[in-house]
PDB file of all heavy atoms in Angstrom:
ATOM      1  N   PHE A   1      90.505 -38.022-103.338  1.00  0.00           N
ATOM      2  CA  PHE A   1      91.905 -37.773-103.747  1.00  0.00           C
ATOM      3  C   PHE A   1      92.960 -38.384-102.830  1.00  0.00           C
ATOM      4  O   PHE A   1      94.121 -38.178-102.994  1.00  0.00           O
ATOM      5  CB  PHE A   1      92.176 -36.277-103.891  1.00  0.00           C
ATOM      6  CG  PHE A   1      91.350 -35.674-105.075  1.00  0.00           C
ATOM      7  CD1 PHE A   1      90.324 -34.841-104.779  1.00  0.00           C
ATOM      8  CD2 PHE A   1      91.725 -35.946-106.366  1.00  0.00           C
ATOM      9  CE1 PHE A   1      89.568 -34.295-105.811  1.00  0.00           C
ATOM     10  CE2 PHE A   1      90.955 -35.374-107.413  1.00  0.00           C
ATOM     11  CZ  PHE A   1      89.894 -34.547-107.095  1.00  0.00           C
ATOM     12  N   SER A   2      92.504 -39.214-101.887  1.00  0.00           N
ATOM     13  CA  SER A   2      93.406 -39.849-100.932  1.00  0.00           C
ATOM     14  C   SER A   2      94.328 -40.875-101.552  1.00  0.00           C
ATOM     15  O   SER A   2      93.860 -41.785-102.167  1.00  0.00           O
ATOM     16  CB  SER A   2      92.652 -40.472 -99.794  1.00  0.00           C
ATOM     17  OG  SER A   2      93.498 -41.245 -98.988  1.00  0.00           O
ATOM     18  N   PRO A   3      95.635 -40.709-101.418  1.00  0.00           N
ATOM     19  CA  PRO A   3      96.552 -41.729-101.981  1.00  0.00           C
ATOM     20  C   PRO A   3      96.442 -43.024-101.184  1.00  0.00           C
ATOM     21  O   PRO A   3      96.775 -44.092-101.749  1.00  0.00           O
ATOM     22  CB  PRO A   3      97.939 -41.106-101.824  1.00  0.00           C
ATOM     23  CG  PRO A   3      97.815 -40.072-100.772  1.00  0.00           C
ATOM     24  CD  PRO A   3      96.364 -39.611-100.832  1.00  0.00           C
ATOM     25  N   ILE A   4      96.032 -42.941 -99.968  1.00  0.00           N
ATOM     26  CA  ILE A   4      95.900 -44.185 -99.145  1.00  0.00           C
ATOM     27  C   ILE A   4      94.783 -45.075 -99.691  1.00  0.00           C
ATOM     28  O   ILE A   4      94.894 -46.301 -99.669  1.00  0.00           O
ATOM     29  CB  ILE A   4      95.564 -43.809 -97.670  1.00  0.00           C
ATOM     30  CG1 ILE A   4      96.688 -43.014 -97.088  1.00  0.00           C
ATOM     31  CG2 ILE A   4      95.288 -45.041 -96.867  1.00  0.00           C
ATOM     32  CD1 ILE A   4      96.440 -42.429 -95.756  1.00  0.00           C
ATOM     33  N   ILE A   5      93.733 -44.466-100.263  1.00  0.00           N
ATOM     34  CA  ILE A   5      92.573 -45.269-100.640  1.00  0.00           C
ATOM     35  C   ILE A   5      92.642 -45.614-102.143  1.00  0.00           C
ATOM     36  O   ILE A   5      91.758 -46.214-102.687  1.00  0.00           O
ATOM     37  CB  ILE A   5      91.290 -44.565-100.288  1.00  0.00           C
ATOM     38  CG1 ILE A   5      91.292 -44.261 -98.795  1.00  0.00           C
ATOM     39  CG2 ILE A   5      90.107 -45.359-100.606  1.00  0.00           C
ATOM     40  CD1 ILE A   5      90.134 -43.625 -98.239  1.00  0.00           C
ATOM     41  N   GLN A   6      93.755 -45.279-102.823  1.00  0.00           N
ATOM     42  CA  GLN A   6      93.913 -45.661-104.209  1.00  0.00           C
ATOM     43  C   GLN A   6      93.841 -47.183-104.303  1.00  0.00           C
ATOM     44  O   GLN A   6      94.117 -47.891-103.390  1.00  0.00           O
ATOM     45  CB  GLN A   6      95.255 -45.199-104.721  1.00  0.00           C
ATOM     46  CG  GLN A   6      95.462 -43.736-104.642  1.00  0.00           C
ATOM     47  CD  GLN A   6      94.708 -42.966-105.699  1.00  0.00           C
ATOM     48  OE1 GLN A   6      94.556 -43.358-106.829  1.00  0.00           O
ATOM     49  NE2 GLN A   6      94.161 -41.783-105.319  1.00  0.00           N
ATOM     50  N   ASN A   7      93.444 -47.699-105.443  1.00  0.00           N
ATOM     51  CA  ASN A   7      93.287 -49.120-105.703  1.00  0.00           C
ATOM     52  C   ASN A   7      92.252 -49.814-104.796  1.00  0.00           C
ATOM     53  O   ASN A   7      92.314 -50.995-104.561  1.00  0.00           O
ATOM     54  CB  ASN A   7      94.624 -49.801-105.608  1.00  0.00           C
ATOM     55  CG  ASN A   7      95.660 -49.243-106.505  1.00  0.00           C
ATOM     56  OD1 ASN A   7      95.312 -48.877-107.654  1.00  0.00           O
ATOM     57  ND2 ASN A   7      96.868 -49.106-106.043  1.00  0.00           N
ATOM     58  N   THR A   8      91.399 -49.059-104.229  1.00  0.00           N
ATOM     59  CA  THR A   8      90.267 -49.638-103.480  1.00  0.00           C
ATOM     60  C   THR A   8      88.976 -49.062-103.992  1.00  0.00           C
ATOM     61  O   THR A   8      89.014 -48.128-104.780  1.00  0.00           O
ATOM     62  CB  THR A   8      90.375 -49.312-101.945  1.00  0.00           C
ATOM     63  OG1 THR A   8      90.270 -47.898-101.773  1.00  0.00           O
ATOM     64  CG2 THR A   8      91.664 -49.783-101.351  1.00  0.00           C
ATOM     65  N   MET A   9      87.896 -49.623-103.532  1.00  0.00           N
ATOM     66  CA  MET A   9      86.555 -49.103-103.982  1.00  0.00           C
ATOM     67  C   MET A   9      86.320 -47.796-103.142  1.00  0.00           C
ATOM     68  O   MET A   9      85.914 -47.860-102.008  1.00  0.00           O
ATOM     69  CB  MET A   9      85.472 -50.133-103.704  1.00  0.00           C
ATOM     70  CG  MET A   9      84.161 -49.666-104.235  1.00  0.00           C
ATOM     71  SD  MET A   9      84.176 -49.358-105.976  1.00  0.00           S
ATOM     72  CE  MET A   9      83.257 -50.741-106.545  1.00  0.00           C
ATOM     73  N   ILE A  10      86.614 -46.723-103.750  1.00  0.00           N
ATOM     74  CA  ILE A  10      86.424 -45.428-103.060  1.00  0.00           C
ATOM     75  C   ILE A  10      84.927 -45.177-102.852  1.00  0.00           C
ATOM     76  O   ILE A  10      84.132 -45.259-103.776  1.00  0.00           O
ATOM     77  CB  ILE A  10      87.037 -44.255-103.857  1.00  0.00           C
ATOM     78  CG1 ILE A  10      88.518 -44.480-104.022  1.00  0.00           C
ATOM     79  CG2 ILE A  10      86.771 -42.925-103.197  1.00  0.00           C
ATOM     80  CD1 ILE A  10      89.220 -43.461-104.997  1.00  0.00           C
ATOM     81  N   PRO A  11      84.511 -44.882-101.627  1.00  0.00           N
ATOM     82  CA  PRO A  11      83.082 -44.737-101.362  1.00  0.00           C
ATOM     83  C   PRO A  11      82.574 -43.333-101.860  1.00  0.00           C
ATOM     84  O   PRO A  11      81.454 -42.968-101.501  1.00  0.00           O
ATOM     85  CB  PRO A  11      83.005 -44.832 -99.856  1.00  0.00           C
ATOM     86  CG  PRO A  11      84.303 -44.340 -99.373  1.00  0.00           C
ATOM     87  CD  PRO A  11      85.268 -44.760-100.396  1.00  0.00           C
ATOM     88  N   VAL A  12      83.370 -42.596-102.592  1.00  0.00           N
ATOM     89  CA  VAL A  12      82.947 -41.259-103.092  1.00  0.00           C
ATOM     90  C   VAL A  12      83.155 -41.264-104.621  1.00  0.00           C
ATOM     91  O   VAL A  12      84.235 -41.574-105.086  1.00  0.00           O
ATOM     92  CB  VAL A  12      83.748 -40.177-102.388  1.00  0.00           C
ATOM     93  CG1 VAL A  12      83.477 -38.828-103.018  1.00  0.00           C
ATOM     94  CG2 VAL A  12      83.527 -40.172-100.902  1.00  0.00           C
ATOM     95  N   ALA A  13      82.181 -40.848-105.337  1.00  0.00           N
ATOM     96  CA  ALA A  13      82.275 -40.786-106.822  1.00  0.00           C
ATOM     97  C   ALA A  13      82.626 -39.358-107.253  1.00  0.00           C
ATOM     98  O   ALA A  13      82.451 -38.399-106.470  1.00  0.00           O
ATOM     99  CB  ALA A  13      80.931 -41.215-107.435  1.00  0.00           C
ATOM    100  N   ALA A  14      83.045 -39.228-108.447  1.00  0.00           N
ATOM    101  CA  ALA A  14      83.398 -37.926-108.980  1.00  0.00           C
ATOM    102  C   ALA A  14      82.197 -36.963-108.913  1.00  0.00           C
ATOM    103  O   ALA A  14      82.385 -35.747-108.670  1.00  0.00           O
ATOM    104  CB  ALA A  14      83.916 -38.065-110.432  1.00  0.00           C
ATOM    105  N   ASN A  15      81.033 -37.488-109.199  1.00  0.00           N
ATOM    106  CA  ASN A  15      79.825 -36.590-109.125  1.00  0.00           C
ATOM    107  C   ASN A  15      79.585 -36.108-107.729  1.00  0.00           C
ATOM    108  O   ASN A  15      79.049 -34.976-107.556  1.00  0.00           O
ATOM    109  CB  ASN A  15      78.610 -37.290-109.718  1.00  0.00           C
ATOM    110  CG  ASN A  15      78.208 -38.545-108.982  1.00  0.00           C
ATOM    111  OD1 ASN A  15      78.857 -39.565-109.196  1.00  0.00           O
ATOM    112  ND2 ASN A  15      77.212 -38.529-108.113  1.00  0.00           N
ATOM    113  N   ASP A  16      79.949 -36.880-106.674  1.00  0.00           N
ATOM    114  CA  ASP A  16      79.820 -36.422-105.281  1.00  0.00           C
ATOM    115  C   ASP A  16      80.756 -35.253-105.035  1.00  0.00           C
ATOM    116  O   ASP A  16      80.379 -34.251-104.357  1.00  0.00           O
ATOM    117  CB  ASP A  16      80.183 -37.569-104.271  1.00  0.00           C
ATOM    118  CG  ASP A  16      79.180 -38.683-104.329  1.00  0.00           C
ATOM    119  OD1 ASP A  16      78.006 -38.436-104.561  1.00  0.00           O
ATOM    120  OD2 ASP A  16      79.619 -39.838-104.146  1.00  0.00           O
ATOM    121  N   VAL A  17      81.950 -35.349-105.536  1.00  0.00           N
ATOM    122  CA  VAL A  17      82.938 -34.288-105.363  1.00  0.00           C
ATOM    123  C   VAL A  17      82.459 -33.018-106.133  1.00  0.00           C
ATOM    124  O   VAL A  17      82.483 -31.921-105.578  1.00  0.00           O
ATOM    125  CB  VAL A  17      84.362 -34.716-105.881  1.00  0.00           C
ATOM    126  CG1 VAL A  17      85.345 -33.576-105.802  1.00  0.00           C
ATOM    127  CG2 VAL A  17      84.871 -35.878-105.054  1.00  0.00           C
ATOM    128  N   ALA A  18      82.040 -33.213-107.358  1.00  0.00           N
ATOM    129  CA  ALA A  18      81.548 -32.092-108.147  1.00  0.00           C
ATOM    130  C   ALA A  18      80.338 -31.405-107.488  1.00  0.00           C
ATOM    131  O   ALA A  18      80.283 -30.194-107.397  1.00  0.00           O
ATOM    132  CB  ALA A  18      81.202 -32.578-109.544  1.00  0.00           C
ATOM    133  N   PHE A  19      79.407 -32.229-106.970  1.00  0.00           N
ATOM    134  CA  PHE A  19      78.217 -31.616-106.345  1.00  0.00           C
ATOM    135  C   PHE A  19      78.642 -30.814-105.104  1.00  0.00           C
ATOM    136  O   PHE A  19      78.142 -29.698-104.881  1.00  0.00           O
ATOM    137  CB  PHE A  19      77.167 -32.677-105.985  1.00  0.00           C
ATOM    138  CG  PHE A  19      76.111 -32.086-105.115  1.00  0.00           C
ATOM    139  CD1 PHE A  19      75.129 -31.291-105.742  1.00  0.00           C
ATOM    140  CD2 PHE A  19      76.057 -32.258-103.760  1.00  0.00           C
ATOM    141  CE1 PHE A  19      74.144 -30.682-104.936  1.00  0.00           C
ATOM    142  CE2 PHE A  19      75.102 -31.675-102.969  1.00  0.00           C
ATOM    143  CZ  PHE A  19      74.138 -30.875-103.559  1.00  0.00           C
ATOM    144  N   SER A  20      79.514 -31.412-104.263  1.00  0.00           N
ATOM    145  CA  SER A  20      79.799 -30.733-103.031  1.00  0.00           C
ATOM    146  C   SER A  20      80.513 -29.415-103.261  1.00  0.00           C
ATOM    147  O   SER A  20      80.242 -28.405-102.587  1.00  0.00           O
ATOM    148  CB  SER A  20      80.517 -31.634-102.055  1.00  0.00           C
ATOM    149  OG  SER A  20      81.719 -32.147-102.622  1.00  0.00           O
ATOM    150  N   ILE A  21      81.395 -29.361-104.269  1.00  0.00           N
ATOM    151  CA  ILE A  21      82.096 -28.143-104.542  1.00  0.00           C
ATOM    152  C   ILE A  21      81.082 -27.136-105.132  1.00  0.00           C
ATOM    153  O   ILE A  21      81.058 -25.941-104.740  1.00  0.00           O
ATOM    154  CB  ILE A  21      83.223 -28.390-105.532  1.00  0.00           C
ATOM    155  CG1 ILE A  21      84.344 -29.198-104.900  1.00  0.00           C
ATOM    156  CG2 ILE A  21      83.766 -27.072-106.166  1.00  0.00           C
ATOM    157  CD1 ILE A  21      85.448 -29.689-105.803  1.00  0.00           C
ATOM    158  N   HIS A  22      80.224 -27.583-106.015  1.00  0.00           N
ATOM    159  CA  HIS A  22      79.193 -26.741-106.641  1.00  0.00           C
ATOM    160  C   HIS A  22      78.293 -26.183-105.534  1.00  0.00           C
ATOM    161  O   HIS A  22      77.968 -24.952-105.525  1.00  0.00           O
ATOM    162  CB  HIS A  22      78.408 -27.569-107.666  1.00  0.00           C
ATOM    163  CG  HIS A  22      77.333 -26.805-108.335  1.00  0.00           C
ATOM    164  ND1 HIS A  22      76.051 -26.872-107.939  1.00  0.00           N
ATOM    165  CD2 HIS A  22      77.390 -25.986-109.408  1.00  0.00           C
ATOM    166  CE1 HIS A  22      75.316 -26.101-108.772  1.00  0.00           C
ATOM    167  NE2 HIS A  22      76.096 -25.574-109.647  1.00  0.00           N
ATOM    168  N   ALA A  23      77.865 -27.036-104.571  1.00  0.00           N
ATOM    169  CA  ALA A  23      76.985 -26.638-103.525  1.00  0.00           C
ATOM    170  C   ALA A  23      77.586 -25.558-102.630  1.00  0.00           C
ATOM    171  O   ALA A  23      76.964 -24.591-102.258  1.00  0.00           O
ATOM    172  CB  ALA A  23      76.547 -27.848-102.718  1.00  0.00           C
ATOM    173  N   VAL A  24      78.915 -25.729-102.332  1.00  0.00           N
ATOM    174  CA  VAL A  24      79.594 -24.705-101.486  1.00  0.00           C
ATOM    175  C   VAL A  24      79.640 -23.398-102.206  1.00  0.00           C
ATOM    176  O   VAL A  24      79.404 -22.337-101.635  1.00  0.00           O
ATOM    177  CB  VAL A  24      81.000 -25.236-101.069  1.00  0.00           C
ATOM    178  CG1 VAL A  24      81.834 -24.060-100.485  1.00  0.00           C
ATOM    179  CG2 VAL A  24      80.876 -26.336-100.074  1.00  0.00           C
ATOM    180  N   VAL A  25      79.996 -23.417-103.497  1.00  0.00           N
ATOM    181  CA  VAL A  25      80.163 -22.162-104.247  1.00  0.00           C
ATOM    182  C   VAL A  25      78.784 -21.459-104.343  1.00  0.00           C
ATOM    183  O   VAL A  25      78.700 -20.240-104.024  1.00  0.00           O
ATOM    184  CB  VAL A  25      80.692 -22.464-105.666  1.00  0.00           C
ATOM    185  CG1 VAL A  25      80.565 -21.240-106.564  1.00  0.00           C
ATOM    186  CG2 VAL A  25      82.119 -22.923-105.575  1.00  0.00           C
ATOM    187  N   LEU A  26      77.728 -22.186-104.657  1.00  0.00           N
ATOM    188  CA  LEU A  26      76.418 -21.521-104.826  1.00  0.00           C
ATOM    189  C   LEU A  26      75.847 -21.075-103.495  1.00  0.00           C
ATOM    190  O   LEU A  26      75.179 -20.023-103.393  1.00  0.00           O
ATOM    191  CB  LEU A  26      75.490 -22.387-105.555  1.00  0.00           C
ATOM    192  CG  LEU A  26      75.835 -22.610-107.053  1.00  0.00           C
ATOM    193  CD1 LEU A  26      74.847 -23.465-107.788  1.00  0.00           C
ATOM    194  CD2 LEU A  26      75.955 -21.236-107.765  1.00  0.00           C
ATOM    195  N   THR A  27      76.083 -21.869-102.444  1.00  0.00           N
ATOM    196  CA  THR A  27      75.573 -21.416-101.102  1.00  0.00           C
ATOM    197  C   THR A  27      76.391 -20.221-100.616  1.00  0.00           C
ATOM    198  O   THR A  27      75.810 -19.247-100.027  1.00  0.00           O
ATOM    199  CB  THR A  27      75.695 -22.583-100.098  1.00  0.00           C
ATOM    200  OG1 THR A  27      75.018 -23.724-100.618  1.00  0.00           O
ATOM    201  CG2 THR A  27      75.072 -22.196 -98.755  1.00  0.00           C
ATOM    202  N   ALA A  28      77.696 -20.154-100.948  1.00  0.00           N
ATOM    203  CA  ALA A  28      78.499 -18.995-100.605  1.00  0.00           C
ATOM    204  C   ALA A  28      77.999 -17.749-101.356  1.00  0.00           C
ATOM    205  O   ALA A  28      77.978 -16.625-100.833  1.00  0.00           O
ATOM    206  CB  ALA A  28      79.936 -19.270-100.876  1.00  0.00           C
TER     207      ALA A  28
END
């Protein structure tokens, strides 16, 4: 979600974000 890295090849995909949020919730 960084505005600095907009218009560049972001090294993080939407599925990475979704997984990490999901992993935190289920581990919690």
